[in-house]
N, C-alpha and C. Protein backbone atom coordinates (compact mmCIF):
# COMPACT_ATOMS: atom_id res chain seq x y z
N UNK A 1 0.87 -1.18 0.03
CA UNK A 1 0.00 0.01 -0.01
C UNK A 1 0.89 1.24 0.01
N UNK A 2 0.57 2.20 -0.81
CA UNK A 2 1.30 3.44 -0.88
C UNK A 2 0.72 4.45 0.13
N UNK A 3 1.60 5.08 0.90
CA UNK A 3 1.15 6.05 1.88
C UNK A 3 0.62 7.30 1.16
N UNK A 4 -0.42 7.83 1.72
CA UNK A 4 -0.99 9.04 1.09
C UNK A 4 -0.06 10.22 1.40
N UNK A 5 0.01 11.16 0.45
CA UNK A 5 0.93 12.30 0.67
C UNK A 5 2.35 11.95 0.33
N UNK A 6 3.23 12.03 1.35
CA UNK A 6 4.61 11.76 1.20
C UNK A 6 4.90 10.26 1.23
N UNK A 7 5.73 9.77 0.36
CA UNK A 7 6.10 8.36 0.37
C UNK A 7 6.70 8.00 1.71
N UNK A 8 6.32 6.84 2.21
CA UNK A 8 6.77 6.39 3.52
C UNK A 8 8.30 6.31 3.65
N UNK A 9 8.98 6.10 2.55
CA UNK A 9 10.45 5.97 2.59
C UNK A 9 11.14 7.27 2.52
N UNK A 10 10.49 8.36 2.21
CA UNK A 10 11.09 9.73 2.06
C UNK A 10 11.05 10.42 3.39
N UNK A 11 12.22 10.87 3.84
CA UNK A 11 12.28 11.67 5.04
C UNK A 11 11.86 13.11 4.72
N UNK A 12 11.21 13.77 5.64
CA UNK A 12 10.85 15.15 5.41
C UNK A 12 12.07 16.06 5.20
N UNK A 13 12.00 16.97 4.28
CA UNK A 13 13.07 17.89 4.02
C UNK A 13 13.03 19.02 5.03
N UNK A 14 14.17 19.83 5.13
CA UNK A 14 14.08 20.96 6.01
C UNK A 14 12.93 21.87 5.66
N UNK A 15 12.61 22.08 4.41
CA UNK A 15 11.52 22.92 4.03
C UNK A 15 10.20 22.34 4.51
N UNK A 16 10.08 20.99 4.45
CA UNK A 16 8.84 20.36 4.96
C UNK A 16 8.66 20.55 6.44
N UNK A 17 9.83 20.64 7.15
CA UNK A 17 9.78 20.86 8.61
C UNK A 17 9.73 22.33 8.99
N UNK A 18 9.71 23.20 8.02
CA UNK A 18 9.62 24.67 8.28
C UNK A 18 10.99 25.26 8.63
N UNK A 19 12.06 24.51 8.30
CA UNK A 19 13.42 24.98 8.61
C UNK A 19 14.02 25.70 7.45
N UNK A 20 15.06 26.46 7.70
CA UNK A 20 15.80 27.16 6.65
C UNK A 20 16.50 26.15 5.74
N UNK A 21 16.44 26.34 4.42
CA UNK A 21 17.12 25.48 3.50
C UNK A 21 18.46 26.04 3.13
N UNK A 22 19.30 25.16 2.63
CA UNK A 22 20.64 25.55 2.21
C UNK A 22 20.55 26.68 1.14
N UNK A 23 19.68 26.53 0.16
CA UNK A 23 19.54 27.53 -0.88
C UNK A 23 19.11 28.91 -0.35
N UNK A 24 18.18 28.88 0.62
CA UNK A 24 17.76 30.16 1.22
C UNK A 24 18.91 30.87 1.91
N UNK A 25 19.67 30.08 2.70
CA UNK A 25 20.81 30.67 3.43
C UNK A 25 21.86 31.13 2.47
N UNK A 26 22.15 30.31 1.43
CA UNK A 26 23.17 30.71 0.44
C UNK A 26 22.76 32.02 -0.24
N UNK A 27 21.53 32.16 -0.60
CA UNK A 27 21.10 33.39 -1.29
C UNK A 27 21.26 34.61 -0.37
N UNK A 28 20.90 34.42 0.87
CA UNK A 28 20.99 35.53 1.87
C UNK A 28 22.45 35.86 2.12
N UNK A 29 23.32 34.86 2.24
CA UNK A 29 24.73 35.07 2.45
C UNK A 29 25.36 35.81 1.26
N UNK A 30 24.94 35.43 0.03
CA UNK A 30 25.47 36.09 -1.15
C UNK A 30 24.99 37.54 -1.16
N UNK A 31 23.78 37.77 -0.74
CA UNK A 31 23.30 39.16 -0.66
C UNK A 31 24.14 39.98 0.31
N UNK A 32 24.49 39.40 1.43
CA UNK A 32 25.36 40.13 2.39
C UNK A 32 26.72 40.41 1.78
N UNK A 33 27.26 39.43 1.06
CA UNK A 33 28.59 39.58 0.37
C UNK A 33 28.49 40.73 -0.64
N UNK A 34 27.40 40.75 -1.42
CA UNK A 34 27.24 41.82 -2.40
C UNK A 34 27.08 43.18 -1.71
N UNK A 35 26.40 43.16 -0.62
CA UNK A 35 26.17 44.41 0.14
C UNK A 35 27.46 45.03 0.66
N UNK A 36 28.46 44.20 0.85
CA UNK A 36 29.80 44.68 1.22
C UNK A 36 30.64 45.04 0.02
N UNK A 37 30.04 45.08 -1.15
CA UNK A 37 30.76 45.43 -2.35
C UNK A 37 31.55 44.29 -2.90
N UNK A 38 31.18 43.03 -2.58
CA UNK A 38 31.87 41.84 -3.05
C UNK A 38 33.23 41.64 -2.43
N UNK A 39 33.47 42.27 -1.32
CA UNK A 39 34.74 42.14 -0.65
C UNK A 39 34.85 40.73 -0.01
N UNK A 40 35.85 39.97 -0.38
CA UNK A 40 36.04 38.62 0.11
C UNK A 40 36.64 38.61 1.53
N UNK A 41 36.52 37.49 2.21
CA UNK A 41 37.19 37.32 3.50
C UNK A 41 36.25 37.10 4.68
N UNK A 42 34.94 37.17 4.51
CA UNK A 42 34.06 36.98 5.63
C UNK A 42 32.91 36.01 5.27
N UNK A 43 33.28 34.99 4.55
CA UNK A 43 32.24 34.03 4.08
C UNK A 43 31.57 33.29 5.23
N UNK A 44 32.34 32.94 6.27
CA UNK A 44 31.74 32.22 7.40
C UNK A 44 30.80 33.19 8.18
N UNK A 45 31.26 34.40 8.33
CA UNK A 45 30.44 35.42 8.96
C UNK A 45 29.14 35.70 8.23
N UNK A 46 29.24 35.77 6.90
CA UNK A 46 28.05 35.98 6.08
C UNK A 46 27.12 34.79 6.21
N UNK A 47 27.66 33.59 6.22
CA UNK A 47 26.83 32.40 6.31
C UNK A 47 26.10 32.36 7.64
N UNK A 48 26.79 32.61 8.74
CA UNK A 48 26.21 32.57 10.06
C UNK A 48 25.15 33.65 10.20
N UNK A 49 25.42 34.85 9.74
CA UNK A 49 24.42 35.95 9.77
C UNK A 49 23.22 35.59 8.94
N UNK A 50 23.44 35.00 7.76
CA UNK A 50 22.34 34.59 6.86
C UNK A 50 21.44 33.57 7.53
N UNK A 51 22.08 32.60 8.20
CA UNK A 51 21.26 31.55 8.91
C UNK A 51 20.36 32.24 9.94
N UNK A 52 20.90 33.15 10.69
CA UNK A 52 20.06 33.85 11.71
C UNK A 52 18.93 34.64 11.07
N UNK A 53 19.23 35.32 9.98
CA UNK A 53 18.26 36.15 9.30
C UNK A 53 17.09 35.25 8.73
N UNK A 54 17.48 34.19 8.07
CA UNK A 54 16.50 33.30 7.50
C UNK A 54 15.64 32.62 8.58
N UNK A 55 16.28 32.16 9.61
CA UNK A 55 15.55 31.56 10.72
C UNK A 55 14.60 32.51 11.40
N UNK A 56 15.07 33.75 11.58
CA UNK A 56 14.21 34.77 12.22
C UNK A 56 13.01 35.06 11.33
N UNK A 57 13.21 35.13 10.02
CA UNK A 57 12.10 35.36 9.08
C UNK A 57 11.08 34.22 9.16
N UNK A 58 11.63 32.99 9.18
CA UNK A 58 10.74 31.81 9.23
C UNK A 58 10.01 31.74 10.58
N UNK A 59 10.69 32.13 11.64
CA UNK A 59 10.05 32.10 12.98
C UNK A 59 8.95 33.09 13.02
N UNK A 60 9.15 34.24 12.39
CA UNK A 60 8.12 35.26 12.32
C UNK A 60 6.86 34.79 11.59
N UNK A 61 7.10 33.96 10.56
CA UNK A 61 5.94 33.42 9.80
C UNK A 61 5.17 32.43 10.62
N UNK A 62 5.84 31.65 11.48
CA UNK A 62 5.17 30.61 12.23
C UNK A 62 4.51 31.13 13.50
N UNK A 63 4.96 32.30 13.97
CA UNK A 63 4.42 32.89 15.20
C UNK A 63 3.08 33.59 14.96
N UNK A 64 2.77 33.89 13.68
CA UNK A 64 1.56 34.66 13.38
C UNK A 64 0.32 33.84 13.52
């Protein structure tokens, strides 16, 4: 018997669980990089800041 909705063998993705996805974080981090004029050297800082920004945005959506 096939499970209704998601296949029983497929694990939920971060997006399915309402979590930030790699692509969302990457896009936000790149935006931060561009906002600094494309200056290299803070990729980890951009990534960590982007994670916080995306998670805060998602949290705001679920709190409403």
